[in-house]
Amino acid sequence: MKTSTVGIVTPINKDELKELLTETKETLATGILANAGNPTFGAVDLWKLRKTNKTTSSLRRHI
């Protein structure tokens, strides 16, 4: 039976290793505003809606 001892990982040459290890500088996107026109609906907003509905319904019952 023939066996092969070829490794799974191919060796990396010096140029590829140097390219992988070079540090790149990050730039910040200053012109972009997150959620510029899209307000989010959170748990606090839901709580406020439930609170106002409870008080409105209780006022209607007393009249």
PDB file of N, CA and C in Angstrom:
ATOM      1  N   MET A   1       0.841  -1.172   0.000  1.00  0.00           N
ATOM      2  CA  MET A   1       0.000   0.000   0.000  1.00  0.00           C
ATOM      3  C   MET A   1       0.889   1.239   0.000  1.00  0.00           C
ATOM      4  N   LYS A   2       0.558   2.162  -0.884  1.00  0.00           N
ATOM      5  CA  LYS A   2       1.350   3.378  -0.974  1.00  0.00           C
ATOM      6  C   LYS A   2       0.766   4.434  -0.033  1.00  0.00           C
ATOM      7  N   THR A   3       1.625   5.154   0.643  1.00  0.00           N
ATOM      8  CA  THR A   3       1.174   6.242   1.523  1.00  0.00           C
ATOM      9  C   THR A   3       1.827   7.536   1.079  1.00  0.00           C
ATOM     10  N   SER A   4       1.104   8.595   1.261  1.00  0.00           N
ATOM     11  CA  SER A   4       1.621   9.907   0.887  1.00  0.00           C
ATOM     12  C   SER A   4       1.822  10.727   2.151  1.00  0.00           C
ATOM     13  N   THR A   5       2.938  11.394   2.255  1.00  0.00           N
ATOM     14  CA  THR A   5       3.226  12.191   3.441  1.00  0.00           C
ATOM     15  C   THR A   5       3.172  13.678   3.140  1.00  0.00           C
ATOM     16  N   VAL A   6       2.404  14.040   2.134  1.00  0.00           N
ATOM     17  CA  VAL A   6       2.275  15.454   1.790  1.00  0.00           C
ATOM     18  C   VAL A   6       1.376  16.115   2.842  1.00  0.00           C
ATOM     19  N   GLY A   7       1.818  17.237   3.386  1.00  0.00           N
ATOM     20  CA  GLY A   7       1.052  17.928   4.418  1.00  0.00           C
ATOM     21  C   GLY A   7      -0.176  18.628   3.860  1.00  0.00           C
ATOM     22  N   ILE A   8      -1.123  18.871   4.730  1.00  0.00           N
ATOM     23  CA  ILE A   8      -2.347  19.552   4.327  1.00  0.00           C
ATOM     24  C   ILE A   8      -2.081  21.039   4.102  1.00  0.00           C
ATOM     25  N   VAL A   9      -1.285  21.625   4.947  1.00  0.00           N
ATOM     26  CA  VAL A   9      -0.981  23.050   4.883  1.00  0.00           C
ATOM     27  C   VAL A   9       0.212  23.274   3.962  1.00  0.00           C
ATOM     28  N   THR A  10       0.028  24.163   3.008  1.00  0.00           N
ATOM     29  CA  THR A  10       1.135  24.485   2.116  1.00  0.00           C
ATOM     30  C   THR A  10       2.024  25.520   2.774  1.00  0.00           C
ATOM     31  N   PRO A  11       3.303  25.422   2.590  1.00  0.00           N
ATOM     32  CA  PRO A  11       4.203  26.397   3.217  1.00  0.00           C
ATOM     33  C   PRO A  11       4.020  27.790   2.605  1.00  0.00           C
ATOM     34  N   ILE A  12       4.204  28.805   3.432  1.00  0.00           N
ATOM     35  CA  ILE A  12       4.052  30.195   2.991  1.00  0.00           C
ATOM     36  C   ILE A  12       5.443  30.762   2.733  1.00  0.00           C
ATOM     37  N   ASN A  13       5.596  31.410   1.578  1.00  0.00           N
ATOM     38  CA  ASN A  13       6.897  32.012   1.297  1.00  0.00           C
ATOM     39  C   ASN A  13       7.014  33.353   2.022  1.00  0.00           C
ATOM     40  N   LYS A  14       8.200  33.920   1.999  1.00  0.00           N
ATOM     41  CA  LYS A  14       8.482  35.129   2.772  1.00  0.00           C
ATOM     42  C   LYS A  14       7.653  36.333   2.312  1.00  0.00           C
ATOM     43  N   ASP A  15       7.419  36.458   1.017  1.00  0.00           N
ATOM     44  CA  ASP A  15       6.643  37.594   0.511  1.00  0.00           C
ATOM     45  C   ASP A  15       5.196  37.536   0.995  1.00  0.00           C
ATOM     46  N   GLU A  16       4.585  36.356   0.951  1.00  0.00           N
ATOM     47  CA  GLU A  16       3.210  36.204   1.427  1.00  0.00           C
ATOM     48  C   GLU A  16       3.117  36.442   2.925  1.00  0.00           C
ATOM     49  N   LEU A  17       4.092  35.970   3.682  1.00  0.00           N
ATOM     50  CA  LEU A  17       4.111  36.168   5.120  1.00  0.00           C
ATOM     51  C   LEU A  17       4.242  37.645   5.462  1.00  0.00           C
ATOM     52  N   LYS A  18       5.072  38.361   4.727  1.00  0.00           N
ATOM     53  CA  LYS A  18       5.250  39.790   4.965  1.00  0.00           C
ATOM     54  C   LYS A  18       3.960  40.549   4.659  1.00  0.00           C
ATOM     55  N   GLU A  19       3.263  40.152   3.593  1.00  0.00           N
ATOM     56  CA  GLU A  19       2.001  40.799   3.234  1.00  0.00           C
ATOM     57  C   GLU A  19       0.925  40.547   4.293  1.00  0.00           C
ATOM     58  N   LEU A  20       0.900  39.344   4.839  1.00  0.00           N
ATOM     59  CA  LEU A  20      -0.093  39.023   5.857  1.00  0.00           C
ATOM     60  C   LEU A  20       0.161  39.734   7.177  1.00  0.00           C
ATOM     61  N   LEU A  21       1.408  40.019   7.477  1.00  0.00           N
ATOM     62  CA  LEU A  21       1.757  40.613   8.764  1.00  0.00           C
ATOM     63  C   LEU A  21       1.847  42.131   8.744  1.00  0.00           C
ATOM     64  N   THR A  22       1.644  42.765   7.595  1.00  0.00           N
ATOM     65  CA  THR A  22       1.709  44.225   7.553  1.00  0.00           C
ATOM     66  C   THR A  22       0.466  44.825   8.190  1.00  0.00           C
ATOM     67  N   GLU A  23       0.656  45.891   8.926  1.00  0.00           N
ATOM     68  CA  GLU A  23      -0.440  46.563   9.629  1.00  0.00           C
ATOM     69  C   GLU A  23      -1.052  47.612   8.713  1.00  0.00           C
ATOM     70  N   THR A  24      -2.351  47.607   8.605  1.00  0.00           N
ATOM     71  CA  THR A  24      -3.040  48.613   7.804  1.00  0.00           C
ATOM     72  C   THR A  24      -3.728  49.597   8.732  1.00  0.00           C
ATOM     73  N   LYS A  25      -3.679  50.851   8.388  1.00  0.00           N
ATOM     74  CA  LYS A  25      -4.284  51.898   9.199  1.00  0.00           C
ATOM     75  C   LYS A  25      -5.770  51.985   8.871  1.00  0.00           C
ATOM     76  N   GLU A  26      -6.586  52.158   9.905  1.00  0.00           N
ATOM     77  CA  GLU A  26      -8.023  52.280   9.709  1.00  0.00           C
ATOM     78  C   GLU A  26      -8.395  53.752   9.564  1.00  0.00           C
ATOM     79  N   THR A  27      -9.398  54.001   8.757  1.00  0.00           N
ATOM     80  CA  THR A  27      -9.911  55.360   8.621  1.00  0.00           C
ATOM     81  C   THR A  27     -11.337  55.388   9.141  1.00  0.00           C
ATOM     82  N   LEU A  28     -11.696  56.487   9.753  1.00  0.00           N
ATOM     83  CA  LEU A  28     -13.038  56.636  10.301  1.00  0.00           C
ATOM     84  C   LEU A  28     -13.927  57.322   9.282  1.00  0.00           C
ATOM     85  N   ALA A  29     -15.133  56.840   9.157  1.00  0.00           N
ATOM     86  CA  ALA A  29     -16.106  57.452   8.264  1.00  0.00           C
ATOM     87  C   ALA A  29     -16.808  58.560   9.035  1.00  0.00           C
ATOM     88  N   THR A  30     -16.342  59.786   8.873  1.00  0.00           N
ATOM     89  CA  THR A  30     -16.882  60.902   9.653  1.00  0.00           C
ATOM     90  C   THR A  30     -18.127  61.492   9.035  1.00  0.00           C
ATOM     91  N   GLY A  31     -18.381  61.271   7.755  1.00  0.00           N
ATOM     92  CA  GLY A  31     -19.519  61.874   7.093  1.00  0.00           C
ATOM     93  C   GLY A  31     -20.812  61.084   7.223  1.00  0.00           C
ATOM     94  N   ILE A  32     -20.759  59.929   7.878  1.00  0.00           N
ATOM     95  CA  ILE A  32     -21.937  59.067   7.960  1.00  0.00           C
ATOM     96  C   ILE A  32     -22.532  59.153   9.364  1.00  0.00           C
ATOM     97  N   LEU A  33     -23.831  59.401   9.439  1.00  0.00           N
ATOM     98  CA  LEU A  33     -24.525  59.433  10.724  1.00  0.00           C
ATOM     99  C   LEU A  33     -25.336  58.152  10.883  1.00  0.00           C
ATOM    100  N   ALA A  34     -25.192  57.499  11.998  1.00  0.00           N
ATOM    101  CA  ALA A  34     -25.943  56.273  12.242  1.00  0.00           C
ATOM    102  C   ALA A  34     -27.386  56.621  12.571  1.00  0.00           C
ATOM    103  N   ASN A  35     -28.326  55.924  11.953  1.00  0.00           N
ATOM    104  CA  ASN A  35     -29.761  56.134  12.165  1.00  0.00           C
ATOM    105  C   ASN A  35     -30.155  57.595  11.952  1.00  0.00           C
ATOM    106  N   ALA A  36     -29.744  58.157  10.844  1.00  0.00           N
ATOM    107  CA  ALA A  36     -29.970  59.573  10.576  1.00  0.00           C
ATOM    108  C   ALA A  36     -31.455  59.918  10.548  1.00  0.00           C
ATOM    109  N   GLY A  37     -32.281  59.138   9.875  1.00  0.00           N
ATOM    110  CA  GLY A  37     -33.687  59.473   9.798  1.00  0.00           C
ATOM    111  C   GLY A  37     -34.575  58.344  10.263  1.00  0.00           C
ATOM    112  N   ASN A  38     -33.986  57.322  10.833  1.00  0.00           N
ATOM    113  CA  ASN A  38     -34.750  56.158  11.233  1.00  0.00           C
ATOM    114  C   ASN A  38     -34.757  56.030  12.755  1.00  0.00           C
ATOM    115  N   PRO A  39     -35.771  56.584  13.430  1.00  0.00           N
ATOM    116  CA  PRO A  39     -35.808  56.414  14.880  1.00  0.00           C
ATOM    117  C   PRO A  39     -36.129  54.964  15.228  1.00  0.00           C
ATOM    118  N   THR A  40     -35.541  54.482  16.285  1.00  0.00           N
ATOM    119  CA  THR A  40     -35.761  53.096  16.690  1.00  0.00           C
ATOM    120  C   THR A  40     -36.869  53.027  17.722  1.00  0.00           C
ATOM    121  N   PHE A  41     -37.505  51.898  17.807  1.00  0.00           N
ATOM    122  CA  PHE A  41     -38.576  51.665  18.769  1.00  0.00           C
ATOM    123  C   PHE A  41     -38.036  50.710  19.810  1.00  0.00           C
ATOM    124  N   GLY A  42     -37.867  51.202  21.042  1.00  0.00           N
ATOM    125  CA  GLY A  42     -37.268  50.378  22.081  1.00  0.00           C
ATOM    126  C   GLY A  42     -38.246  49.999  23.169  1.00  0.00           C
ATOM    127  N   ALA A  43     -37.721  49.401  24.202  1.00  0.00           N
ATOM    128  CA  ALA A  43     -38.535  48.937  25.323  1.00  0.00           C
ATOM    129  C   ALA A  43     -39.167  50.107  26.068  1.00  0.00           C
ATOM    130  N   VAL A  44     -38.470  51.225  26.156  1.00  0.00           N
ATOM    131  CA  VAL A  44     -39.005  52.396  26.847  1.00  0.00           C
ATOM    132  C   VAL A  44     -40.218  52.939  26.100  1.00  0.00           C
ATOM    133  N   ASP A  45     -40.157  52.956  24.787  1.00  0.00           N
ATOM    134  CA  ASP A  45     -41.287  53.430  23.993  1.00  0.00           C
ATOM    135  C   ASP A  45     -42.499  52.525  24.180  1.00  0.00           C
ATOM    136  N   LEU A  46     -42.273  51.227  24.232  1.00  0.00           N
ATOM    137  CA  LEU A  46     -43.370  50.293  24.458  1.00  0.00           C
ATOM    138  C   LEU A  46     -43.972  50.501  25.845  1.00  0.00           C
ATOM    139  N   TRP A  47     -43.125  50.732  26.834  1.00  0.00           N
ATOM    140  CA  TRP A  47     -43.604  50.977  28.194  1.00  0.00           C
ATOM    141  C   TRP A  47     -44.464  52.235  28.243  1.00  0.00           C
ATOM    142  N   LYS A  48     -44.046  53.284  27.565  1.00  0.00           N
ATOM    143  CA  LYS A  48     -44.817  54.530  27.541  1.00  0.00           C
ATOM    144  C   LYS A  48     -46.178  54.319  26.878  1.00  0.00           C
ATOM    145  N   LEU A  49     -46.221  53.563  25.790  1.00  0.00           N
ATOM    146  CA  LEU A  49     -47.489  53.295  25.122  1.00  0.00           C
ATOM    147  C   LEU A  49     -48.434  52.521  26.033  1.00  0.00           C
ATOM    148  N   ARG A  50     -47.931  51.512  26.707  1.00  0.00           N
ATOM    149  CA  ARG A  50     -48.774  50.721  27.604  1.00  0.00           C
ATOM    150  C   ARG A  50     -49.287  51.571  28.758  1.00  0.00           C
ATOM    151  N   LYS A  51     -48.441  52.444  29.287  1.00  0.00           N
ATOM    152  CA  LYS A  51     -48.835  53.304  30.406  1.00  0.00           C
ATOM    153  C   LYS A  51     -49.939  54.264  29.977  1.00  0.00           C
ATOM    154  N   THR A  52     -49.795  54.891  28.827  1.00  0.00           N
ATOM    155  CA  THR A  52     -50.816  55.842  28.378  1.00  0.00           C
ATOM    156  C   THR A  52     -52.116  55.127  28.033  1.00  0.00           C
ATOM    157  N   ASN A  53     -52.054  53.918  27.501  1.00  0.00           N
ATOM    158  CA  ASN A  53     -53.266  53.165  27.199  1.00  0.00           C
ATOM    159  C   ASN A  53     -54.002  52.776  28.472  1.00  0.00           C
ATOM    160  N   LYS A  54     -53.279  52.435  29.511  1.00  0.00           N
ATOM    161  CA  LYS A  54     -53.911  52.066  30.781  1.00  0.00           C
ATOM    162  C   LYS A  54     -54.633  53.266  31.386  1.00  0.00           C
ATOM    163  N   THR A  55     -53.980  54.416  31.386  1.00  0.00           N
ATOM    164  CA  THR A  55     -54.617  55.597  31.988  1.00  0.00           C
ATOM    165  C   THR A  55     -55.796  56.067  31.149  1.00  0.00           C
ATOM    166  N   THR A  56     -55.688  55.970  29.841  1.00  0.00           N
ATOM    167  CA  THR A  56     -56.794  56.390  28.960  1.00  0.00           C
ATOM    168  C   THR A  56     -57.999  55.483  29.147  1.00  0.00           C
ATOM    169  N   SER A  57     -57.759  54.180  29.236  1.00  0.00           N
ATOM    170  CA  SER A  57     -58.890  53.252  29.398  1.00  0.00           C
ATOM    171  C   SER A  57     -59.530  53.397  30.773  1.00  0.00           C
ATOM    172  N   SER A  58     -58.732  53.699  31.801  1.00  0.00           N
ATOM    173  CA  SER A  58     -59.325  53.884  33.132  1.00  0.00           C
ATOM    174  C   SER A  58     -60.144  55.160  33.198  1.00  0.00           C
ATOM    175  N   LEU A  59     -59.746  56.206  32.474  1.00  0.00           N
ATOM    176  CA  LEU A  59     -60.521  57.456  32.438  1.00  0.00           C
ATOM    177  C   LEU A  59     -61.846  57.253  31.708  1.00  0.00           C
ATOM    178  N   ARG A  60     -61.851  56.441  30.692  1.00  0.00           N
ATOM    179  CA  ARG A  60     -63.078  56.173  29.939  1.00  0.00           C
ATOM    180  C   ARG A  60     -64.106  55.402  30.771  1.00  0.00           C
ATOM    181  N   ARG A  61     -63.646  54.537  31.656  1.00  0.00           N
ATOM    182  CA  ARG A  61     -64.553  53.749  32.475  1.00  0.00           C
ATOM    183  C   ARG A  61     -65.240  54.611  33.526  1.00  0.00           C
ATOM    184  N   HIS A  62     -64.563  55.627  34.019  1.00  0.00           N
ATOM    185  CA  HIS A  62     -65.112  56.458  35.088  1.00  0.00           C
ATOM    186  C   HIS A  62     -66.110  57.498  34.580  1.00  0.00           C
ATOM    187  N   ILE A  63     -66.139  57.752  33.306  1.00  0.00           N
ATOM    188  CA  ILE A  63     -67.033  58.775  32.770  1.00  0.00           C
ATOM    189  C   ILE A  63     -68.401  58.249  32.536  1.00  0.00           C
TER     190      ILE A  63
END
